[in-house]
Amino acid sequence: MVVGGELHADQEAILLSRQSKQENLWGINLYPGLSEQDWIEFDSMINIRPRLNNRSRGIENEKMREDIIALVTKLVKR
């Protein structure tokens, strides 16, 4: 997980250079001051992946969103 930076694509490049797999990388925005339901936003250009059946800037797979929420909640202390 990479936090900060100008663009999600920049963070993605860092993770790819460290041998992360493209299909495991997703872009989110964090707003720690917001409510439990609203502090993670699934909106990034790097999420547009037609070959993985994700055709929007969001993350269309509900299970994937739930997994990301669980991981980010574990790693980020608000």
N, C-alpha and C. Protein backbone atom coordinates (compact mmCIF):
# COMPACT_ATOMS: atom_id res chain seq x y z
N MET A 1 0.85 -1.17 0.00
CA MET A 1 0.00 0.00 0.00
C MET A 1 0.89 1.24 0.00
N VAL A 2 0.52 2.19 -0.83
CA VAL A 2 1.22 3.47 -0.90
C VAL A 2 0.20 4.55 -0.58
N VAL A 3 0.59 5.49 0.29
CA VAL A 3 -0.29 6.59 0.67
C VAL A 3 0.41 7.90 0.33
N GLY A 4 -0.35 8.83 -0.20
CA GLY A 4 0.20 10.13 -0.56
C GLY A 4 0.54 10.17 -2.04
N GLY A 5 1.13 11.25 -2.46
CA GLY A 5 1.51 11.38 -3.86
C GLY A 5 0.52 12.20 -4.64
N GLU A 6 0.95 12.58 -5.82
CA GLU A 6 0.13 13.44 -6.67
C GLU A 6 -0.96 12.66 -7.39
N LEU A 7 -0.58 11.57 -8.07
CA LEU A 7 -1.53 10.80 -8.86
C LEU A 7 -1.48 9.32 -8.48
N HIS A 8 -2.61 8.64 -8.60
CA HIS A 8 -2.63 7.20 -8.35
C HIS A 8 -1.67 6.47 -9.28
N ALA A 9 -1.53 6.96 -10.50
CA ALA A 9 -0.62 6.32 -11.46
C ALA A 9 0.83 6.36 -10.97
N ASP A 10 1.21 7.42 -10.26
CA ASP A 10 2.56 7.51 -9.70
C ASP A 10 2.77 6.45 -8.63
N GLN A 11 1.78 6.30 -7.78
CA GLN A 11 1.85 5.29 -6.72
C GLN A 11 1.85 3.88 -7.31
N GLU A 12 1.04 3.71 -8.34
CA GLU A 12 0.97 2.42 -9.03
C GLU A 12 2.35 2.05 -9.59
N ALA A 13 3.04 3.03 -10.18
CA ALA A 13 4.37 2.78 -10.75
C ALA A 13 5.36 2.34 -9.67
N ILE A 14 5.27 2.94 -8.50
CA ILE A 14 6.14 2.54 -7.39
C ILE A 14 5.91 1.08 -7.04
N LEU A 15 4.64 0.72 -6.87
CA LEU A 15 4.32 -0.66 -6.49
C LEU A 15 4.71 -1.66 -7.58
N LEU A 16 4.50 -1.30 -8.84
CA LEU A 16 4.89 -2.19 -9.94
C LEU A 16 6.41 -2.38 -9.97
N SER A 17 7.16 -1.33 -9.66
CA SER A 17 8.62 -1.44 -9.64
C SER A 17 9.10 -2.34 -8.51
N ARG A 18 8.23 -2.57 -7.53
CA ARG A 18 8.56 -3.44 -6.40
C ARG A 18 7.91 -4.82 -6.55
N GLN A 19 7.61 -5.17 -7.79
CA GLN A 19 7.11 -6.50 -8.16
C GLN A 19 5.64 -6.77 -7.79
N SER A 20 4.87 -5.74 -7.48
CA SER A 20 3.43 -5.94 -7.27
C SER A 20 2.80 -6.32 -8.61
N LYS A 21 1.72 -7.06 -8.57
CA LYS A 21 1.02 -7.46 -9.79
C LYS A 21 -0.07 -6.44 -10.09
N GLN A 22 -0.15 -6.04 -11.35
CA GLN A 22 -1.12 -5.04 -11.80
C GLN A 22 -2.54 -5.37 -11.35
N GLU A 23 -2.94 -6.63 -11.48
CA GLU A 23 -4.32 -7.01 -11.16
C GLU A 23 -4.63 -6.88 -9.67
N ASN A 24 -3.61 -6.70 -8.83
CA ASN A 24 -3.82 -6.54 -7.39
C ASN A 24 -3.80 -5.08 -6.94
N LEU A 25 -3.61 -4.16 -7.88
CA LEU A 25 -3.51 -2.74 -7.53
C LEU A 25 -4.79 -2.01 -7.87
N TRP A 26 -5.31 -1.28 -6.88
CA TRP A 26 -6.53 -0.51 -7.06
C TRP A 26 -6.34 0.87 -6.45
N GLY A 27 -6.97 1.87 -7.06
CA GLY A 27 -6.85 3.23 -6.56
C GLY A 27 -8.04 3.63 -5.70
N ILE A 28 -7.73 4.20 -4.55
CA ILE A 28 -8.77 4.70 -3.64
C ILE A 28 -8.32 6.06 -3.11
N ASN A 29 -9.25 6.78 -2.52
CA ASN A 29 -8.95 8.03 -1.83
C ASN A 29 -9.37 7.86 -0.38
N LEU A 30 -8.56 8.40 0.53
CA LEU A 30 -8.84 8.30 1.96
C LEU A 30 -9.17 9.67 2.53
N TYR A 31 -10.24 9.72 3.31
CA TYR A 31 -10.67 10.94 3.99
C TYR A 31 -10.88 10.60 5.46
N PRO A 32 -9.80 10.55 6.26
CA PRO A 32 -9.88 10.09 7.65
C PRO A 32 -10.84 10.87 8.53
N GLY A 33 -11.15 12.11 8.17
CA GLY A 33 -12.05 12.93 8.98
C GLY A 33 -13.53 12.63 8.77
N LEU A 34 -13.84 11.82 7.76
CA LEU A 34 -15.24 11.50 7.46
C LEU A 34 -15.71 10.28 8.25
N SER A 35 -16.99 10.01 8.15
CA SER A 35 -17.60 8.90 8.88
C SER A 35 -17.06 7.56 8.40
N GLU A 36 -17.32 6.53 9.18
CA GLU A 36 -16.88 5.16 8.88
C GLU A 36 -17.31 4.73 7.48
N GLN A 37 -18.48 5.12 7.05
CA GLN A 37 -19.01 4.73 5.74
C GLN A 37 -18.41 5.52 4.59
N ASP A 38 -17.92 6.73 4.87
CA ASP A 38 -17.52 7.63 3.80
C ASP A 38 -16.01 7.88 3.68
N TRP A 39 -15.20 7.36 4.57
CA TRP A 39 -13.79 7.75 4.57
C TRP A 39 -12.96 7.10 3.47
N ILE A 40 -13.46 6.02 2.86
CA ILE A 40 -12.78 5.40 1.73
C ILE A 40 -13.62 5.61 0.47
N GLU A 41 -13.01 6.24 -0.53
CA GLU A 41 -13.69 6.50 -1.80
C GLU A 41 -13.02 5.68 -2.89
N PHE A 42 -13.82 4.94 -3.63
CA PHE A 42 -13.32 4.10 -4.72
C PHE A 42 -13.47 4.85 -6.03
N ASP A 43 -12.48 5.69 -6.35
CA ASP A 43 -12.55 6.51 -7.55
C ASP A 43 -11.14 6.78 -8.06
N SER A 44 -10.76 6.12 -9.15
CA SER A 44 -9.43 6.32 -9.70
C SER A 44 -9.40 5.88 -11.16
N MET A 45 -8.65 6.60 -11.96
CA MET A 45 -8.47 6.22 -13.37
C MET A 45 -7.79 4.86 -13.50
N ILE A 46 -6.92 4.50 -12.54
CA ILE A 46 -6.23 3.21 -12.66
C ILE A 46 -7.17 2.03 -12.47
N ASN A 47 -8.38 2.31 -12.00
CA ASN A 47 -9.36 1.23 -11.79
C ASN A 47 -10.09 0.83 -13.08
N ILE A 48 -9.96 1.61 -14.12
CA ILE A 48 -10.62 1.27 -15.39
C ILE A 48 -9.84 0.13 -16.03
N ARG A 49 -10.42 -1.07 -15.98
CA ARG A 49 -9.74 -2.27 -16.47
C ARG A 49 -10.74 -3.19 -17.16
N PRO A 50 -11.04 -2.90 -18.39
CA PRO A 50 -12.01 -3.73 -19.12
C PRO A 50 -11.64 -5.22 -19.15
N ARG A 51 -10.34 -5.53 -19.22
CA ARG A 51 -9.94 -6.94 -19.26
C ARG A 51 -10.26 -7.69 -17.96
N LEU A 52 -10.47 -6.94 -16.87
CA LEU A 52 -10.87 -7.53 -15.59
C LEU A 52 -12.35 -7.25 -15.29
N ASN A 53 -13.09 -6.86 -16.32
CA ASN A 53 -14.52 -6.54 -16.19
C ASN A 53 -14.79 -5.39 -15.24
N ASN A 54 -13.87 -4.46 -15.14
CA ASN A 54 -14.09 -3.26 -14.34
C ASN A 54 -14.01 -2.08 -15.31
N ARG A 55 -15.17 -1.56 -15.70
CA ARG A 55 -15.24 -0.55 -16.75
C ARG A 55 -15.47 0.87 -16.22
N SER A 56 -15.29 1.06 -14.92
CA SER A 56 -15.50 2.39 -14.35
C SER A 56 -14.31 2.79 -13.48
N ARG A 57 -14.33 4.02 -13.02
CA ARG A 57 -13.29 4.51 -12.11
C ARG A 57 -13.47 3.93 -10.72
N GLY A 58 -14.64 3.36 -10.44
CA GLY A 58 -14.88 2.71 -9.16
C GLY A 58 -14.40 1.28 -9.18
N ILE A 59 -14.71 0.55 -8.15
CA ILE A 59 -14.41 -0.88 -8.11
C ILE A 59 -15.75 -1.58 -8.08
N GLU A 60 -16.10 -2.21 -9.18
CA GLU A 60 -17.44 -2.76 -9.36
C GLU A 60 -17.69 -4.05 -8.58
N ASN A 61 -16.64 -4.78 -8.25
CA ASN A 61 -16.78 -6.04 -7.53
C ASN A 61 -16.96 -5.77 -6.03
N GLU A 62 -18.14 -6.09 -5.52
CA GLU A 62 -18.45 -5.80 -4.12
C GLU A 62 -17.51 -6.50 -3.15
N LYS A 63 -17.17 -7.75 -3.43
CA LYS A 63 -16.25 -8.51 -2.56
C LYS A 63 -14.89 -7.83 -2.53
N MET A 64 -14.41 -7.36 -3.67
CA MET A 64 -13.13 -6.66 -3.74
C MET A 64 -13.18 -5.38 -2.90
N ARG A 65 -14.27 -4.62 -2.99
CA ARG A 65 -14.41 -3.41 -2.17
C ARG A 65 -14.37 -3.75 -0.69
N GLU A 66 -15.09 -4.81 -0.31
CA GLU A 66 -15.10 -5.23 1.10
C GLU A 66 -13.71 -5.63 1.57
N ASP A 67 -12.97 -6.36 0.73
CA ASP A 67 -11.61 -6.77 1.08
C ASP A 67 -10.69 -5.55 1.24
N ILE A 68 -10.84 -4.58 0.36
CA ILE A 68 -10.02 -3.37 0.43
C ILE A 68 -10.35 -2.59 1.70
N ILE A 69 -11.63 -2.45 2.02
CA ILE A 69 -12.03 -1.75 3.24
C ILE A 69 -11.42 -2.42 4.45
N ALA A 70 -11.49 -3.73 4.52
CA ALA A 70 -10.93 -4.47 5.66
C ALA A 70 -9.43 -4.25 5.78
N LEU A 71 -8.71 -4.33 4.66
CA LEU A 71 -7.26 -4.16 4.68
C LEU A 71 -6.87 -2.74 5.06
N VAL A 72 -7.49 -1.75 4.43
CA VAL A 72 -7.15 -0.35 4.71
C VAL A 72 -7.50 0.01 6.15
N THR A 73 -8.61 -0.46 6.65
CA THR A 73 -9.00 -0.20 8.03
C THR A 73 -7.97 -0.78 8.99
N LYS A 74 -7.42 -1.91 8.64
CA LYS A 74 -6.40 -2.56 9.48
C LYS A 74 -5.08 -1.77 9.44
N LEU A 75 -4.72 -1.26 8.28
CA LEU A 75 -3.42 -0.59 8.12
C LEU A 75 -3.41 0.88 8.49
N VAL A 76 -4.54 1.56 8.36
CA VAL A 76 -4.59 3.01 8.58
C VAL A 76 -5.32 3.30 9.88
N LYS A 77 -4.61 3.94 10.79
CA LYS A 77 -5.22 4.36 12.06
C LYS A 77 -5.74 5.78 11.91
N ARG A 78 -7.04 5.96 12.19
CA ARG A 78 -7.64 7.28 12.03
C ARG A 78 -7.80 7.95 13.37
